[in-house]
Amino acid sequence: MRQLSLQYLKPQEELITFIRNILDTNKIYQIDLVFENVKYIMVDGTWISKNTCLIIYYDYLHRKVIFFGFYEWERYEDIRNDLQVLRDEFKYEIGCFVVDGGKQIKKAIEEIYPNAKIQRCLTHIFRQIQSYISKKPQSECGKDLQKMVTFKNFANKEKFIERFNDWEEKYSDFLKEKSSKGTRTWYTHRRIRQARSHIKNALPYMFHYLEDENIKRSTNDLEWYNGVLSGHIFNHRGLKKERLISFISLWIYNRNLR
């Protein structure tokens, strides 16, 4: 505030009152510009408070946020309504969405933009598999899976699918092993089975980036954007929820004008 006071030759108290009045207004600085050639976007949610999730629709080729909203969580109905606005009001013919794999986002995209490609973030897939099998798996099955799930192997669709099928066949009996206690039974290697299911569900959406140089293989660009925003949120963490939403909206709106 001292710096602002010196820059604008205004008393600090007057500047504080001015800023508070802006943040207390009910106006949300939504995106009111229609950008050209919006074809490739990233979608992701980030938590700004305990019960508030900010969902951003980011045109990474032009480095612009084309839409955003504040919700209780990443809910299908809210995302679907946002996509309807992008399609019907903004007339965006989006050809590809790069997402982290959330089921709600995927379901909404497939309903509103059924012809669009969905590219799963390979970084998220890699991290999720690591969380399932750990960085130092004990079984040979887990070790072989770890060797297979690398960004280098992601660069060859046919080879990766072939290696995955071979791995699944090789350890078929191992993955079917069960443990029991009394009347209760369960799969012994549940975490590796979860990793397998994660890959199988992601396979149809992993390799679109190999077909089009404009499709990114991860949501890193949007995560970087959210990281910058999170830094500003941390610096203003004392704001009430309503003021915080106004601050974030104004920050996104002005950053788009660069």
Protein backbone atom coordinates (compact mmCIF):
# COMPACT_ATOMS: atom_id res chain seq x y z
CA MET A 1 0.00 0.00 0.00
CA ARG A 2 2.92 2.33 0.65
CA GLN A 3 4.16 1.75 -2.90
CA LEU A 4 0.70 2.40 -4.37
CA SER A 5 0.35 5.52 -2.26
CA LEU A 6 3.63 6.89 -3.60
CA GLN A 7 2.81 5.86 -7.18
CA TYR A 8 -0.64 7.44 -7.32
CA LEU A 9 -0.07 10.25 -4.82
CA LYS A 10 -3.04 9.14 -2.74
CA PRO A 11 -3.34 8.52 1.01
CA GLN A 12 -3.21 4.83 1.95
CA GLU A 13 -6.62 5.03 3.64
CA GLU A 14 -8.21 6.33 0.44
CA LEU A 15 -6.66 3.51 -1.61
CA ILE A 16 -7.80 0.87 0.88
CA THR A 17 -11.36 2.19 0.73
CA PHE A 18 -11.23 2.24 -3.08
CA ILE A 19 -10.01 -1.39 -3.30
CA ARG A 20 -12.55 -2.61 -0.74
CA ASN A 21 -15.37 -0.98 -2.68
CA ILE A 22 -14.29 -2.78 -5.85
CA LEU A 23 -14.06 -6.15 -4.13
CA ASP A 24 -17.40 -5.66 -2.38
CA THR A 25 -19.32 -5.12 -5.60
CA ASN A 26 -21.52 -7.95 -6.83
CA LYS A 27 -20.13 -7.63 -10.34
CA ILE A 28 -18.18 -10.66 -11.50
CA TYR A 29 -15.70 -9.78 -14.22
CA GLN A 30 -16.63 -12.62 -16.57
CA ILE A 31 -15.09 -13.05 -19.98
CA ASP A 32 -16.97 -10.73 -22.33
CA LEU A 33 -14.65 -11.01 -25.35
CA VAL A 34 -15.13 -13.51 -28.15
CA PHE A 35 -11.70 -14.70 -29.22
CA GLU A 36 -10.92 -15.90 -32.72
CA ASN A 37 -9.85 -19.41 -33.74
CA VAL A 38 -10.55 -21.10 -30.42
CA LYS A 39 -9.94 -24.76 -31.28
CA TYR A 40 -7.76 -26.23 -28.54
CA ILE A 41 -8.40 -25.68 -24.85
CA MET A 42 -7.47 -27.08 -21.46
CA VAL A 43 -10.01 -27.54 -18.68
CA ASP A 44 -9.15 -27.96 -15.03
CA GLY A 45 -10.40 -27.08 -11.59
CA THR A 46 -8.43 -25.64 -8.69
CA TRP A 47 -9.59 -25.14 -5.12
CA ILE A 48 -9.50 -21.53 -3.94
CA SER A 49 -11.09 -22.23 -0.57
CA LYS A 50 -12.52 -25.16 1.36
CA ASN A 51 -15.83 -25.25 -0.49
CA THR A 52 -15.10 -23.33 -3.68
CA CYS A 53 -13.59 -24.72 -6.86
CA LEU A 54 -12.52 -22.47 -9.72
CA ILE A 55 -12.93 -24.15 -13.13
CA ILE A 56 -10.94 -22.56 -15.94
CA TYR A 57 -11.30 -23.02 -19.70
CA TYR A 58 -7.93 -22.03 -21.14
CA ASP A 59 -6.97 -21.48 -24.78
CA TYR A 60 -3.33 -22.45 -24.47
CA LEU A 61 -2.37 -21.50 -28.03
CA HIS A 62 -3.40 -17.88 -27.45
CA ARG A 63 -2.76 -17.95 -23.69
CA LYS A 64 -6.23 -16.65 -22.85
CA VAL A 65 -8.88 -17.80 -20.42
CA ILE A 66 -12.02 -18.04 -22.53
CA PHE A 67 -14.34 -18.80 -19.59
CA PHE A 68 -14.33 -19.62 -15.89
CA GLY A 69 -16.73 -20.30 -13.05
CA PHE A 70 -16.86 -20.80 -9.27
CA TYR A 71 -18.56 -23.95 -8.02
CA GLU A 72 -18.74 -26.25 -5.01
CA TRP A 73 -16.83 -28.97 -6.89
CA GLU A 74 -16.19 -30.26 -10.44
CA ARG A 75 -19.80 -31.18 -11.10
CA TYR A 76 -21.06 -32.47 -14.44
CA GLU A 77 -24.08 -30.15 -14.56
CA ASP A 78 -21.99 -27.00 -14.05
CA ILE A 79 -19.37 -27.98 -16.61
CA ARG A 80 -22.05 -28.94 -19.12
CA ASN A 81 -23.71 -25.53 -18.70
CA ASP A 82 -20.36 -23.77 -19.20
CA LEU A 83 -19.70 -25.74 -22.38
CA GLN A 84 -23.18 -24.89 -23.66
CA VAL A 85 -22.35 -21.19 -23.25
CA LEU A 86 -19.09 -21.67 -25.17
CA ARG A 87 -20.90 -23.53 -27.95
CA ASP A 88 -24.20 -21.63 -28.23
CA GLU A 89 -23.36 -18.08 -27.15
CA PHE A 90 -19.69 -17.73 -28.05
CA LYS A 91 -20.00 -20.07 -31.08
CA TYR A 92 -16.69 -21.77 -30.36
CA GLU A 93 -16.09 -24.84 -32.49
CA ILE A 94 -13.65 -26.53 -30.13
CA GLY A 95 -11.88 -29.50 -31.66
CA CYS A 96 -9.85 -30.78 -28.71
CA PHE A 97 -9.94 -30.67 -24.93
CA VAL A 98 -6.84 -31.46 -22.88
CA VAL A 99 -7.99 -32.63 -19.44
CA ASP A 100 -6.68 -34.42 -16.37
CA GLY A 101 -9.15 -37.28 -16.63
CA GLY A 102 -12.00 -36.23 -14.32
CA LYS A 103 -15.13 -38.21 -15.17
CA GLN A 104 -17.43 -35.20 -14.79
CA ILE A 105 -15.46 -33.13 -17.30
CA LYS A 106 -15.25 -36.01 -19.78
CA LYS A 107 -18.99 -36.71 -19.57
CA ALA A 108 -19.89 -33.06 -20.16
CA ILE A 109 -17.53 -32.75 -23.13
CA GLU A 110 -18.90 -35.87 -24.79
CA GLU A 111 -22.44 -34.50 -24.51
CA ILE A 112 -21.88 -30.91 -25.67
CA TYR A 113 -18.91 -31.43 -28.02
CA PRO A 114 -19.38 -35.05 -29.15
CA ASN A 115 -17.01 -34.70 -32.12
CA ALA A 116 -14.17 -33.14 -30.16
CA LYS A 117 -11.07 -35.11 -29.23
CA ILE A 118 -10.25 -35.58 -25.57
CA GLN A 119 -6.56 -35.76 -24.74
CA ARG A 120 -5.77 -37.12 -21.30
CA CYS A 121 -2.93 -35.41 -19.47
CA LEU A 122 -0.05 -37.89 -19.57
CA THR A 123 1.59 -36.27 -16.57
CA HIS A 124 -1.46 -37.03 -14.46
CA ILE A 125 -1.52 -40.62 -15.73
CA PHE A 126 2.16 -41.06 -14.89
CA ARG A 127 1.69 -39.63 -11.39
CA GLN A 128 -1.41 -41.71 -10.73
CA ILE A 129 0.32 -44.96 -11.72
CA GLN A 130 3.26 -44.04 -9.49
CA SER A 131 0.86 -43.50 -6.59
CA TYR A 132 -0.67 -46.94 -7.15
CA ILE A 133 2.52 -48.99 -7.45
CA SER A 134 4.90 -46.65 -5.54
CA LYS A 135 8.28 -45.48 -6.77
CA LYS A 136 9.88 -48.73 -5.63
CA PRO A 137 7.46 -51.57 -6.39
CA GLN A 138 8.34 -54.91 -4.78
CA SER A 139 6.80 -57.35 -7.26
CA GLU A 140 8.15 -58.11 -10.72
CA CYS A 141 4.72 -57.22 -12.08
CA GLY A 142 4.94 -53.75 -10.57
CA LYS A 143 8.55 -53.29 -11.69
CA ASP A 144 7.69 -54.18 -15.28
CA LEU A 145 4.72 -51.83 -15.22
CA GLN A 146 6.93 -49.03 -13.93
CA LYS A 147 9.41 -49.59 -16.77
CA MET A 148 6.56 -49.40 -19.26
CA VAL A 149 4.83 -46.26 -17.97
CA THR A 150 7.31 -43.59 -19.08
CA PHE A 151 7.01 -40.52 -21.28
CA LYS A 152 9.43 -42.09 -23.73
CA ASN A 153 7.10 -45.07 -24.18
CA PHE A 154 4.08 -42.77 -24.43
CA ALA A 155 5.58 -41.44 -27.67
CA ASN A 156 4.76 -44.65 -29.58
CA LYS A 157 1.09 -45.61 -29.47
CA GLU A 158 1.31 -49.03 -31.14
CA LYS A 159 4.36 -50.12 -29.18
CA PHE A 160 2.89 -48.99 -25.86
CA ILE A 161 -0.40 -50.83 -26.44
CA GLU A 162 1.49 -53.95 -27.50
CA ARG A 163 3.70 -53.85 -24.40
CA PHE A 164 0.71 -53.26 -22.16
CA ASN A 165 -1.19 -56.21 -23.63
CA ASP A 166 1.89 -58.43 -23.26
CA TRP A 167 2.31 -57.32 -19.64
CA GLU A 168 -1.34 -58.00 -18.87
CA GLU A 169 -1.12 -61.49 -20.40
CA LYS A 170 2.17 -62.30 -18.67
CA TYR A 171 0.84 -61.44 -15.21
CA SER A 172 -2.75 -62.56 -15.71
CA ASP A 173 -2.61 -65.21 -12.99
CA PHE A 174 -0.69 -62.92 -10.64
CA LEU A 175 -3.36 -60.21 -10.94
CA LYS A 176 -6.11 -62.76 -10.21
CA GLU A 177 -4.58 -63.90 -6.93
CA LYS A 178 -6.86 -63.51 -3.92
CA SER A 179 -6.39 -63.37 -0.17
CA SER A 180 -8.92 -64.37 2.42
CA LYS A 181 -9.69 -64.10 6.09
CA GLY A 182 -12.66 -65.98 7.43
CA THR A 183 -15.51 -65.45 4.96
CA ARG A 184 -13.95 -62.34 3.46
CA THR A 185 -11.88 -62.45 0.26
CA TRP A 186 -10.17 -59.77 -1.79
CA TYR A 187 -7.69 -59.38 -4.62
CA THR A 188 -4.18 -59.60 -3.20
CA HIS A 189 -2.64 -57.07 -5.59
CA ARG A 190 -5.42 -54.51 -5.54
CA ARG A 191 -3.19 -51.48 -6.14
CA ILE A 192 -1.61 -52.94 -9.27
CA ARG A 193 -5.08 -53.89 -10.52
CA GLN A 194 -6.13 -50.27 -9.99
CA ALA A 195 -3.13 -49.15 -12.03
CA ARG A 196 -4.10 -51.55 -14.80
CA SER A 197 -7.70 -50.25 -14.83
CA HIS A 198 -6.46 -46.67 -14.90
CA ILE A 199 -4.39 -47.35 -18.02
CA LYS A 200 -7.15 -49.31 -19.75
CA ASN A 201 -9.65 -46.49 -19.18
CA ALA A 202 -7.16 -43.87 -20.38
CA LEU A 203 -5.91 -45.67 -23.50
CA PRO A 204 -8.53 -44.26 -25.93
CA TYR A 205 -7.57 -40.71 -24.89
CA MET A 206 -3.78 -40.89 -24.52
CA PHE A 207 -2.39 -40.54 -28.01
CA HIS A 208 -4.30 -37.81 -29.88
CA TYR A 209 -1.30 -35.52 -29.40
CA LEU A 210 0.67 -37.74 -31.80
CA GLU A 211 -1.83 -36.95 -34.59
CA ASP A 212 -1.88 -33.14 -34.23
CA GLU A 213 1.06 -30.95 -33.24
CA ASN A 214 -1.30 -28.39 -31.68
CA ILE A 215 -2.58 -30.89 -29.11
CA LYS A 216 -0.58 -30.78 -25.90
CA ARG A 217 0.17 -34.02 -24.08
CA SER A 218 -0.38 -32.50 -20.64
CA THR A 219 -2.20 -29.69 -18.83
CA ASN A 220 1.10 -28.18 -17.66
CA ASP A 221 0.33 -24.80 -19.27
CA LEU A 222 -2.86 -24.43 -17.26
CA GLU A 223 -1.21 -25.76 -14.11
CA TRP A 224 1.44 -23.05 -14.51
CA TYR A 225 -1.32 -20.44 -14.88
CA ASN A 226 -3.07 -21.78 -11.77
CA GLY A 227 0.25 -21.74 -9.93
CA VAL A 228 0.71 -18.02 -10.61
CA LEU A 229 -2.87 -17.38 -9.55
CA SER A 230 -2.42 -19.47 -6.38
CA GLY A 231 0.52 -17.29 -5.41
CA HIS A 232 -1.68 -14.20 -5.53
CA ILE A 233 -4.45 -16.00 -3.64
CA PHE A 234 -1.94 -16.92 -0.92
CA ASN A 235 -0.85 -13.29 -0.64
CA HIS A 236 -4.51 -12.30 -0.13
CA ARG A 237 -5.62 -15.31 1.91
CA GLY A 238 -7.22 -13.05 4.52
CA LEU A 239 -9.97 -11.95 2.14
CA LYS A 240 -13.54 -13.05 2.74
CA LYS A 241 -14.90 -15.54 0.21
CA GLU A 242 -16.97 -12.94 -1.68
CA ARG A 243 -14.03 -10.53 -1.93
CA LEU A 244 -11.69 -13.35 -2.93
CA ILE A 245 -13.99 -14.32 -5.81
CA SER A 246 -14.13 -10.69 -6.96
CA PHE A 247 -10.35 -10.43 -6.72
CA ILE A 248 -9.75 -13.60 -8.76
CA SER A 249 -12.31 -12.57 -11.38
CA LEU A 250 -10.70 -9.16 -11.76
CA TRP A 251 -7.21 -10.72 -11.91
CA ILE A 252 -8.21 -13.13 -14.70
CA TYR A 253 -10.07 -10.40 -16.59
CA ASN A 254 -7.10 -8.02 -16.55
CA ARG A 255 -4.53 -10.73 -17.34
CA ASN A 256 -6.55 -11.54 -20.47
CA LEU A 257 -6.05 -7.96 -21.65
CA ARG A 258 -2.27 -8.40 -21.92
